[in-house]
N, C-alpha and C. Protein backbone atom coordinates (compact mmCIF):
# COMPACT_ATOMS: atom_id res chain seq x y z
N MET A 1 186.53 1.14 -10.31
CA MET A 1 186.32 1.89 -11.12
C MET A 1 186.33 2.99 -12.31
N LEU A 2 186.67 3.03 -13.15
CA LEU A 2 187.63 4.09 -13.52
C LEU A 2 186.65 5.09 -14.91
N HIS A 3 186.58 6.26 -14.41
CA HIS A 3 185.40 7.46 -14.91
C HIS A 3 186.58 7.98 -15.64
N ILE A 4 185.97 7.99 -17.15
CA ILE A 4 186.75 8.68 -18.12
C ILE A 4 185.57 9.89 -18.87
N PHE A 5 185.67 11.39 -18.47
CA PHE A 5 185.89 12.12 -19.11
C PHE A 5 185.80 13.49 -19.12
N ILE A 6 184.97 14.50 -20.00
CA ILE A 6 186.36 15.83 -20.09
C ILE A 6 185.18 17.03 -19.68
N GLY A 7 185.70 17.08 -18.81
CA GLY A 7 184.86 18.31 -17.43
C GLY A 7 185.75 18.93 -16.62
N PHE A 8 184.62 19.62 -15.64
CA PHE A 8 185.05 20.21 -14.68
C PHE A 8 185.32 19.28 -13.29
N THR A 9 185.89 18.95 -12.54
CA THR A 9 185.51 18.75 -11.64
C THR A 9 185.15 19.00 -9.99
N ILE A 10 184.48 18.96 -8.85
CA ILE A 10 183.87 20.32 -8.27
C ILE A 10 184.34 19.13 -7.08
N CYS A 11 185.29 19.57 -5.69
CA CYS A 11 185.87 18.66 -5.20
C CYS A 11 185.53 19.52 -4.29
N ASN A 12 184.66 19.16 -3.15
CA ASN A 12 184.51 19.83 -1.64
C ASN A 12 184.09 18.78 -0.81
N MET A 13 184.39 18.75 0.26
CA MET A 13 183.70 17.99 1.56
C MET A 13 182.42 18.45 2.12
N LEU A 14 182.05 20.13 1.68
CA LEU A 14 180.98 20.76 2.51
C LEU A 14 179.68 20.05 2.43
N VAL A 15 179.09 18.77 2.89
CA VAL A 15 177.40 18.46 2.67
C VAL A 15 176.44 19.23 3.67
N LYS A 16 175.54 18.80 2.67
CA LYS A 16 174.29 19.38 3.84
C LYS A 16 173.72 17.90 3.58
N LYS A 17 172.82 17.43 5.21
CA LYS A 17 172.02 16.56 5.88
C LYS A 17 170.36 17.15 5.32
N ILE A 18 169.76 16.76 4.07
CA ILE A 18 168.40 17.20 4.10
C ILE A 18 167.69 16.72 4.59
N LYS A 19 166.22 17.79 4.69
CA LYS A 19 165.08 17.43 5.94
C LYS A 19 163.69 17.01 4.84
N TYR A 20 164.03 15.95 5.22
CA TYR A 20 162.11 15.06 4.37
C TYR A 20 160.81 15.48 4.57
N PRO A 21 160.06 15.83 4.10
CA PRO A 21 158.46 16.09 4.96
C PRO A 21 157.80 14.75 5.60
N PHE A 22 158.48 13.59 5.43
CA PHE A 22 157.85 12.26 5.64
C PHE A 22 159.16 11.30 6.22
N THR A 23 159.52 10.32 7.17
CA THR A 23 159.51 8.85 6.89
C THR A 23 159.57 8.04 5.52
N PRO A 24 160.63 7.58 5.49
CA PRO A 24 161.34 6.03 4.44
C PRO A 24 159.63 5.45 4.81
N LYS A 25 159.14 5.20 6.04
CA LYS A 25 158.03 4.30 5.91
C LYS A 25 156.81 5.19 5.20
N GLU A 26 156.39 6.04 5.68
CA GLU A 26 155.78 6.64 5.11
C GLU A 26 155.61 6.91 3.62
N TYR A 27 156.93 7.69 3.22
CA TYR A 27 156.89 7.72 2.02
C TYR A 27 156.51 6.53 1.16
N LYS A 28 157.33 4.68 1.52
CA LYS A 28 157.36 4.13 0.81
C LYS A 28 155.17 3.72 0.50
N LYS A 29 154.60 3.80 1.72
CA LYS A 29 153.51 3.70 1.71
C LYS A 29 152.87 4.65 0.75
N ILE A 30 153.00 5.93 0.70
CA ILE A 30 152.11 6.80 -0.14
C ILE A 30 152.26 6.44 -1.66
N TYR A 31 154.09 6.52 -2.30
CA TYR A 31 154.44 5.87 -3.48
C TYR A 31 153.96 4.60 -3.31
N SER A 32 153.83 3.92 -3.33
CA SER A 32 153.31 2.14 -3.29
C SER A 32 151.76 2.45 -3.75
N LYS A 33 150.99 3.73 -3.84
CA LYS A 33 149.83 3.84 -3.91
C LYS A 33 149.44 4.85 -5.68
N VAL A 34 150.70 5.71 -5.18
CA VAL A 34 150.12 6.89 -6.49
C VAL A 34 151.66 7.06 -7.17
N PRO A 35 151.97 7.69 -8.16
CA PRO A 35 152.64 7.81 -8.86
C PRO A 35 153.84 9.41 -8.46
N ARG A 36 155.08 9.10 -8.30
CA ARG A 36 155.32 10.54 -7.70
C ARG A 36 156.27 11.36 -8.85
N LEU A 37 155.88 12.35 -8.15
CA LEU A 37 156.23 13.67 -9.36
C LEU A 37 157.59 14.31 -9.09
N CYS A 38 158.21 14.76 -10.14
CA CYS A 38 159.93 15.25 -9.04
C CYS A 38 159.98 16.06 -10.69
N VAL A 39 161.25 17.22 -9.99
CA VAL A 39 161.72 17.97 -11.40
C VAL A 39 163.21 17.22 -11.12
N GLU A 40 163.48 17.25 -12.41
CA GLU A 40 165.24 17.27 -12.96
C GLU A 40 165.37 18.42 -13.08
N LEU A 41 167.41 18.27 -12.74
CA LEU A 41 167.41 19.69 -13.23
C LEU A 41 168.72 19.43 -14.01
N VAL A 42 169.05 19.99 -15.83
CA VAL A 42 169.53 19.68 -16.18
C VAL A 42 170.27 21.64 -16.28
N ILE A 43 171.97 21.00 -15.36
CA ILE A 43 172.60 22.94 -15.43
C ILE A 43 173.30 22.56 -16.42
N GLN A 44 173.94 23.39 -17.52
CA GLN A 44 174.45 23.30 -18.12
C GLN A 44 175.28 24.96 -18.29
N ASP A 45 176.60 24.65 -19.14
CA ASP A 45 177.24 26.05 -19.06
C ASP A 45 178.60 25.55 -19.79
N LYS A 46 179.06 26.32 -19.68
CA LYS A 46 180.67 25.75 -20.71
C LYS A 46 181.12 25.28 -20.36
N LYS A 47 181.35 24.48 -18.47
CA LYS A 47 182.51 23.52 -18.44
C LYS A 47 181.29 21.85 -18.75
N GLY A 48 180.15 22.25 -19.19
CA GLY A 48 179.14 20.64 -19.24
C GLY A 48 177.90 21.11 -18.82
N ILE A 49 178.00 19.72 -18.74
CA ILE A 49 176.11 19.37 -17.75
C ILE A 49 176.47 18.47 -16.32
N LEU A 50 175.97 19.73 -14.94
CA LEU A 50 175.67 19.07 -14.22
C LEU A 50 175.43 17.73 -13.81
N PHE A 51 176.23 16.95 -13.74
CA PHE A 51 175.38 15.74 -12.55
C PHE A 51 176.16 15.30 -11.22
N SER A 52 175.15 14.75 -10.19
CA SER A 52 175.95 14.16 -9.21
C SER A 52 176.15 12.95 -8.94
N LEU A 53 176.99 12.20 -7.82
CA LEU A 53 176.94 10.76 -8.04
C LEU A 53 176.37 10.63 -6.40
N ARG A 54 175.16 9.19 -7.41
CA ARG A 54 173.73 8.85 -6.09
C ARG A 54 174.81 8.55 -5.41
N LYS A 55 174.72 8.81 -3.06
CA LYS A 55 174.89 7.97 -2.26
C LYS A 55 173.44 7.76 -2.00
N ALA A 56 172.33 8.39 -2.40
CA ALA A 56 170.94 7.29 -1.88
C ALA A 56 170.86 5.72 -2.40
N LYS A 57 170.08 5.21 -1.13
CA LYS A 57 170.04 3.57 -1.86
C LYS A 57 169.94 3.31 -3.30
N SER A 58 168.27 4.26 -3.87
CA SER A 58 168.20 4.31 -5.38
C SER A 58 169.27 4.47 -6.40
N TRP A 59 169.42 4.09 -6.95
CA TRP A 59 170.52 4.21 -8.03
C TRP A 59 172.19 4.52 -7.59
N ASN A 60 172.37 4.37 -6.13
CA ASN A 60 173.36 3.95 -6.33
C ASN A 60 175.16 4.36 -6.99
N GLY A 61 175.56 5.33 -6.43
CA GLY A 61 176.98 5.08 -7.60
C GLY A 61 176.64 4.82 -8.95
N MET A 62 175.72 5.66 -9.48
CA MET A 62 175.17 5.95 -10.49
C MET A 62 174.97 7.63 -10.64
N TRP A 63 175.70 8.02 -11.77
CA TRP A 63 175.51 10.03 -12.52
C TRP A 63 174.44 10.14 -12.69
N HIS A 64 173.69 11.02 -12.06
CA HIS A 64 172.38 11.10 -12.42
C HIS A 64 172.50 13.19 -11.88
N LEU A 65 170.79 13.23 -13.43
CA LEU A 65 171.06 14.78 -13.08
C LEU A 65 170.19 15.16 -11.34
N PRO A 66 170.48 16.32 -10.74
CA PRO A 66 169.49 16.44 -9.38
C PRO A 66 168.65 16.78 -9.69
N GLY A 67 167.72 16.17 -8.55
CA GLY A 67 166.21 16.70 -8.81
C GLY A 67 166.18 15.91 -7.58
N GLY A 68 164.30 15.69 -7.44
CA GLY A 68 163.31 15.59 -6.31
C GLY A 68 161.88 15.73 -6.43
N THR A 69 161.42 15.74 -4.85
CA THR A 69 159.74 15.06 -5.59
C THR A 69 159.54 16.27 -5.43
N LEU A 70 158.04 16.46 -5.67
CA LEU A 70 157.84 18.22 -5.68
C LEU A 70 156.62 17.51 -4.51
N TYR A 71 156.60 18.62 -3.33
CA TYR A 71 156.02 18.37 -2.71
C TYR A 71 154.22 19.03 -2.21
N HIS A 72 153.33 18.50 -2.17
CA HIS A 72 151.98 18.94 -1.77
C HIS A 72 151.71 20.73 -1.39
N GLY A 73 151.49 21.46 -1.81
CA GLY A 73 151.39 22.85 -2.10
C GLY A 73 152.36 23.19 -2.60
N GLU A 74 153.52 22.66 -3.18
CA GLU A 74 155.25 23.44 -3.81
C GLU A 74 154.84 24.31 -5.38
N THR A 75 154.97 24.84 -5.28
CA THR A 75 154.74 25.43 -7.65
C THR A 75 156.34 24.40 -7.57
N LEU A 76 156.41 24.27 -8.77
CA LEU A 76 156.97 23.79 -9.36
C LEU A 76 158.24 24.31 -9.31
N SER A 77 158.25 25.50 -9.31
CA SER A 77 159.48 26.74 -9.81
C SER A 77 159.90 26.69 -8.30
N LYS A 78 159.22 26.94 -7.37
CA LYS A 78 160.19 26.94 -5.99
C LYS A 78 160.48 25.43 -5.23
N CYS A 79 159.89 24.12 -5.80
CA CYS A 79 160.75 22.94 -6.38
C CYS A 79 161.59 22.79 -6.55
N ILE A 80 162.09 23.78 -8.02
CA ILE A 80 163.57 23.89 -7.94
C ILE A 80 164.24 24.24 -7.47
N ASP A 81 163.90 25.69 -6.93
CA ASP A 81 165.11 26.42 -6.05
C ASP A 81 164.65 25.81 -4.80
N ARG A 82 164.12 24.73 -4.41
CA ARG A 82 164.70 24.12 -3.23
C ARG A 82 165.41 23.06 -3.52
N VAL A 83 165.26 22.14 -4.15
CA VAL A 83 166.00 21.25 -5.05
C VAL A 83 167.41 22.30 -4.98
N ALA A 84 167.44 22.87 -5.45
CA ALA A 84 169.18 23.43 -6.03
C ALA A 84 169.92 23.87 -4.92
N ARG A 85 168.74 24.32 -4.14
CA ARG A 85 169.23 25.13 -2.30
C ARG A 85 169.63 23.46 -1.81
N ASP A 86 169.14 22.65 -1.84
CA ASP A 86 169.09 21.76 -0.32
C ASP A 86 170.38 20.86 -0.88
N GLU A 87 170.46 20.66 -2.64
CA GLU A 87 171.45 19.12 -2.68
C GLU A 87 172.66 19.66 -3.10
N LEU A 88 172.53 21.18 -3.97
CA LEU A 88 173.75 22.13 -4.56
C LEU A 88 174.10 23.53 -3.45
N GLY A 89 173.80 24.01 -3.01
CA GLY A 89 173.45 24.90 -2.40
C GLY A 89 174.20 25.83 -3.28
N ILE A 90 173.12 26.11 -4.50
CA ILE A 90 173.09 27.24 -5.87
C ILE A 90 171.53 27.58 -5.68
N LYS A 91 172.10 28.92 -6.51
CA LYS A 91 170.54 29.41 -7.24
C LYS A 91 170.52 29.13 -8.29
N LEU A 92 169.60 28.75 -9.50
CA LEU A 92 169.17 28.69 -10.60
C LEU A 92 168.21 29.79 -11.15
N ASN A 93 168.88 29.47 -12.56
CA ASN A 93 168.25 31.04 -13.52
C ASN A 93 167.50 29.74 -14.27
N LYS A 94 166.09 29.58 -14.16
CA LYS A 94 165.38 28.43 -14.98
C LYS A 94 165.07 29.09 -16.58
N LYS A 95 165.60 28.47 -17.62
CA LYS A 95 165.88 28.84 -19.00
C LYS A 95 163.56 27.81 -19.65
N LYS A 96 164.21 27.05 -19.43
CA LYS A 96 162.70 26.13 -20.07
C LYS A 96 163.01 25.01 -19.96
N PHE A 97 161.18 24.39 -19.79
CA PHE A 97 161.30 23.15 -19.63
C PHE A 97 161.43 22.05 -21.03
N LEU A 98 162.20 21.30 -20.66
CA LEU A 98 162.66 20.22 -21.96
C LEU A 98 161.89 19.10 -22.49
N GLY A 99 161.23 18.13 -21.23
CA GLY A 99 159.97 16.90 -20.96
C GLY A 99 159.98 16.38 -20.04
N TYR A 100 159.71 14.96 -20.11
CA TYR A 100 159.54 14.18 -18.85
C TYR A 100 160.69 12.84 -19.53
N ILE A 101 160.44 12.66 -18.36
CA ILE A 101 160.51 10.84 -18.31
C ILE A 101 160.19 9.80 -17.32
N GLU A 102 159.33 8.98 -17.64
CA GLU A 102 159.14 8.17 -16.75
C GLU A 102 159.18 6.94 -16.20
N TYR A 103 159.25 6.87 -14.87
CA TYR A 103 160.50 5.81 -14.27
C TYR A 103 159.01 5.11 -14.09
N LEU A 104 159.00 3.64 -14.40
CA LEU A 104 158.27 2.58 -13.75
C LEU A 104 158.64 1.79 -12.67
N GLN A 105 158.25 1.34 -12.02
CA GLN A 105 159.23 0.61 -10.54
C GLN A 105 159.84 -0.48 -10.90
N ASP A 106 161.11 -0.53 -10.45
CA ASP A 106 162.51 -1.49 -11.12
C ASP A 106 162.98 -1.79 -9.99
N GLU A 107 162.21 -2.28 -8.02
CA GLU A 107 162.79 -2.25 -6.50
C GLU A 107 163.19 -4.09 -7.27
N LYS A 108 163.24 -4.37 -7.88
CA LYS A 108 163.69 -6.18 -8.00
C LYS A 108 165.81 -5.83 -8.07
N ASN A 109 165.81 -4.44 -8.90
CA ASN A 109 166.82 -4.56 -10.20
C ASN A 109 167.70 -3.52 -8.61
N ARG A 110 166.79 -3.34 -7.67
CA ARG A 110 167.65 -2.20 -6.86
C ARG A 110 167.65 -0.60 -6.73
N ARG A 111 166.83 -0.12 -8.29
CA ARG A 111 167.02 1.14 -8.60
C ARG A 111 166.16 2.24 -7.53
N SER A 112 165.10 1.51 -8.19
CA SER A 112 163.77 2.43 -7.75
C SER A 112 162.97 1.58 -7.16
N PHE A 113 161.55 2.57 -6.30
CA PHE A 113 160.66 2.01 -5.96
C PHE A 113 159.20 3.34 -6.57
N GLY A 114 158.38 2.44 -6.99
CA GLY A 114 157.13 2.77 -7.45
C GLY A 114 157.49 3.43 -8.97
N THR A 115 156.76 4.16 -9.19
CA THR A 115 156.44 5.25 -10.51
C THR A 115 156.70 6.19 -10.33
N SER A 116 157.53 7.44 -10.57
CA SER A 116 157.71 8.64 -11.03
C SER A 116 157.94 9.20 -12.02
N VAL A 117 157.05 10.47 -12.11
CA VAL A 117 157.30 11.23 -13.93
C VAL A 117 158.45 12.48 -13.46
N GLY A 118 159.22 12.31 -14.43
CA GLY A 118 160.58 13.23 -13.70
C GLY A 118 160.38 14.81 -14.32
N LEU A 119 159.89 15.76 -14.09
CA LEU A 119 159.98 16.67 -15.40
C LEU A 119 161.16 17.59 -15.10
N LEU A 120 161.97 17.71 -16.91
CA LEU A 120 163.30 18.15 -16.96
C LEU A 120 162.83 19.72 -16.80
N PHE A 121 163.73 20.14 -15.94
CA PHE A 121 164.40 21.39 -16.88
C PHE A 121 165.42 22.17 -17.09
N LEU A 122 165.67 23.06 -17.99
CA LEU A 122 167.01 23.56 -18.49
C LEU A 122 167.89 24.73 -17.60
N CYS A 123 168.99 24.68 -16.92
CA CYS A 123 168.90 25.72 -15.72
C CYS A 123 170.29 25.82 -16.01
N MET A 124 170.56 27.01 -15.70
CA MET A 124 172.02 28.07 -16.09
C MET A 124 172.48 28.61 -14.18
N ILE A 125 173.31 28.09 -13.57
CA ILE A 125 173.62 28.87 -12.47
C ILE A 125 173.54 30.16 -11.78
N LYS A 126 172.83 30.60 -11.17
CA LYS A 126 173.15 32.28 -11.00
C LYS A 126 173.69 32.62 -9.66
N SER A 127 174.17 31.66 -8.90
CA SER A 127 174.57 32.77 -7.71
C SER A 127 175.38 30.94 -6.81
N GLY A 128 175.99 31.54 -6.01
CA GLY A 128 176.42 30.43 -5.33
C GLY A 128 177.59 28.94 -4.80
N LYS A 129 177.99 28.89 -4.24
CA LYS A 129 179.12 27.95 -4.53
C LYS A 129 178.44 26.10 -4.32
N ILE A 130 178.16 25.62 -5.01
CA ILE A 130 178.41 24.40 -5.42
C ILE A 130 179.31 23.06 -4.48
N ARG A 131 178.38 22.54 -3.60
CA ARG A 131 178.47 21.44 -2.64
C ARG A 131 177.40 20.54 -3.31
N GLY A 132 178.04 19.01 -1.84
CA GLY A 132 177.00 18.11 -2.40
C GLY A 132 175.69 17.78 -1.27
N SER A 133 174.87 16.79 -1.35
CA SER A 133 173.85 16.35 0.12
C SER A 133 174.78 15.25 0.49
N ASP A 134 173.66 14.96 1.64
CA ASP A 134 173.47 13.27 2.00
C ASP A 134 172.99 12.21 0.98
N GLN A 135 172.54 12.88 -0.54
CA GLN A 135 172.07 12.31 -1.58
C GLN A 135 173.17 11.76 -2.78
N ALA A 136 173.94 13.12 -2.41
CA ALA A 136 175.33 12.63 -3.64
C ALA A 136 176.42 14.27 -3.43
N GLU A 137 177.61 13.66 -2.60
CA GLU A 137 178.38 14.11 -2.37
C GLU A 137 179.29 15.12 -3.34
N GLN A 138 179.16 13.85 -4.79
CA GLN A 138 180.49 14.31 -5.31
C GLN A 138 179.90 14.93 -7.07
N ILE A 139 180.00 16.23 -7.12
CA ILE A 139 179.72 16.72 -8.39
C ILE A 139 180.48 17.06 -9.46
N ASP A 140 180.00 16.68 -10.98
CA ASP A 140 181.04 17.57 -11.25
C ASP A 140 180.08 17.77 -12.80
N PHE A 141 180.83 18.17 -13.63
CA PHE A 141 180.50 18.77 -14.87
C PHE A 141 180.77 17.80 -15.52
N PHE A 142 180.44 17.40 -17.09
CA PHE A 142 180.43 16.72 -18.12
C PHE A 142 180.44 17.31 -19.18
N LYS A 143 180.71 17.25 -20.14
CA LYS A 143 180.98 17.42 -21.80
C LYS A 143 180.49 16.04 -21.84
N ARG A 144 180.99 14.86 -21.75
CA ARG A 144 180.19 13.98 -22.76
C ARG A 144 179.78 12.91 -21.41
N LEU A 145 178.69 12.27 -22.22
CA LEU A 145 177.81 11.57 -20.39
C LEU A 145 178.69 10.32 -20.28
N PRO A 146 178.46 10.55 -18.77
CA PRO A 146 179.62 10.14 -18.10
C PRO A 146 179.23 8.20 -18.38
N ILE A 147 180.27 7.15 -18.06
CA ILE A 147 179.60 5.81 -18.59
C ILE A 147 178.63 5.04 -17.73
N ASN A 148 178.78 5.30 -16.29
CA ASN A 148 177.69 5.12 -15.33
C ASN A 148 176.97 5.88 -14.95
N ILE A 149 175.91 5.72 -16.10
CA ILE A 149 174.54 7.24 -16.07
C ILE A 149 172.89 6.13 -15.91
N ILE A 150 172.39 7.26 -15.12
CA ILE A 150 171.01 6.29 -15.00
C ILE A 150 170.36 6.40 -16.53
N PRO A 151 170.02 5.28 -16.74
CA PRO A 151 170.33 4.92 -18.14
C PRO A 151 169.23 6.12 -18.71
N ALA A 152 167.68 5.78 -18.39
CA ALA A 152 166.88 7.23 -18.40
C ALA A 152 167.41 8.20 -18.56
N HIS A 153 168.51 8.82 -17.99
CA HIS A 153 168.78 10.24 -18.59
C HIS A 153 169.41 10.09 -19.59
N ARG A 154 170.50 9.23 -19.80
CA ARG A 154 171.40 8.54 -21.30
C ARG A 154 170.23 9.23 -22.21
N THR A 155 169.20 8.33 -22.02
CA THR A 155 168.75 8.13 -23.25
C THR A 155 167.75 9.51 -23.69
N PHE A 156 167.44 10.88 -23.32
CA PHE A 156 166.75 11.52 -22.55
C PHE A 156 167.82 13.04 -23.32
N LEU A 157 168.91 12.70 -22.70
CA LEU A 157 170.14 13.55 -22.64
C LEU A 157 170.34 13.08 -24.50
N LYS A 158 170.52 12.59 -24.70
CA LYS A 158 170.99 12.27 -26.43
C LYS A 158 170.38 12.60 -27.02
N LYS A 159 169.02 12.21 -26.73
CA LYS A 159 167.66 12.65 -27.94
C LYS A 159 167.20 13.86 -27.73
N VAL A 160 167.49 14.50 -26.53
CA VAL A 160 167.13 16.24 -26.04
C VAL A 160 168.08 16.79 -26.40
N LEU A 161 168.85 16.94 -25.91
CA LEU A 161 169.60 17.64 -26.61
C LEU A 161 171.19 17.28 -27.27
N LYS A 162 171.13 16.32 -27.64
CA LYS A 162 171.94 15.66 -28.59
C LYS A 162 173.32 15.84 -28.04
N ILE A 163 173.75 15.11 -27.17
CA ILE A 163 174.92 15.45 -26.09
C ILE A 163 175.64 13.26 -26.19
N LYS A 164 176.51 13.46 -26.31
CA LYS A 164 176.98 11.84 -27.02
C LYS A 164 177.61 11.18 -25.65
């Protein structure tokens, strides 16, 4: 598949294995009954917006905004810090809340499980060297939205940030 983009490519082999608070079986049991609240990071700089190429089962092979589940007892700010550290190896300056995306269950199309609500935050890199994780090894900045992006991310970014 050919990826056409304008931007800066980050190629590195350093990848972090992320530690999760419960097993996939526990995850499915919990989130089959209640919605999952997530943070999603819109990291923007002069090179464009940072996306990672999903390696995980849900949305595999699609570009997406890095993000993760808000854990019990965790503040939104701490969740943003953890996701940036675990998935990307960086620290962020949080700029502002941009809005939310509702993801309805779409397990039959291999895309996601359960219902999730993603809270999107505009951020800038403060420090650190970007690297991937077991969720997504390839990280790139895009000035234009990639072709194979999660559809809800495309819709949101076009509407809120006026990105093409």
